[in-house]
């Protein structure tokens, strides 16, 4: 498990004030939570405070927007999902929200979002990430999306990942 800690781009005059302990907690969690049964207790011990203090401050930072979220970031390759394809779709603009919500609700789509078209070379406006153990599995899932879209699918393709790009938020030291 790891923590995703990202500072929002708030203007300096409206951003919540962070004290030294808040900053130490962010630094201690920004690379991920310790993989132990009680990660907040381990961080608390490292910082010399109580686990309750760590959890309360993290909750306060979540509530104020200093931290966007805390969640698991799985490594798909280590889990055996080695064919990761970004499916891109050309769908009617007036139905983008409806169709995006349907695709995003599929259990094999990790994220789905709207992007602008770049005509004439790039007609696609809806992106959906599909993970599979191999390309035939991804292609079968993409076929399910095409079936779901029906006549709203005006064309699509799949862009396969060729390497892992680690996603990270802002880091402080």
Foldseek 3Di string as FASTA:
>chain_A
DAFAFAADPDPPVLQDDDDPVLLLLCQQGQVGFDPDPLRLCVSCVVVVHHSVVSVVSVVVCCVRRRGVTTDDDDDCVVVLFQWKKKKFFQFDPVCQVVLQVVLQPDPQWPHKDFDDADPDVGRTTIITIGTHNDDVVRVVVVVVSCVVCDPRGPDMDIDTDPDDDDDGHDHDD
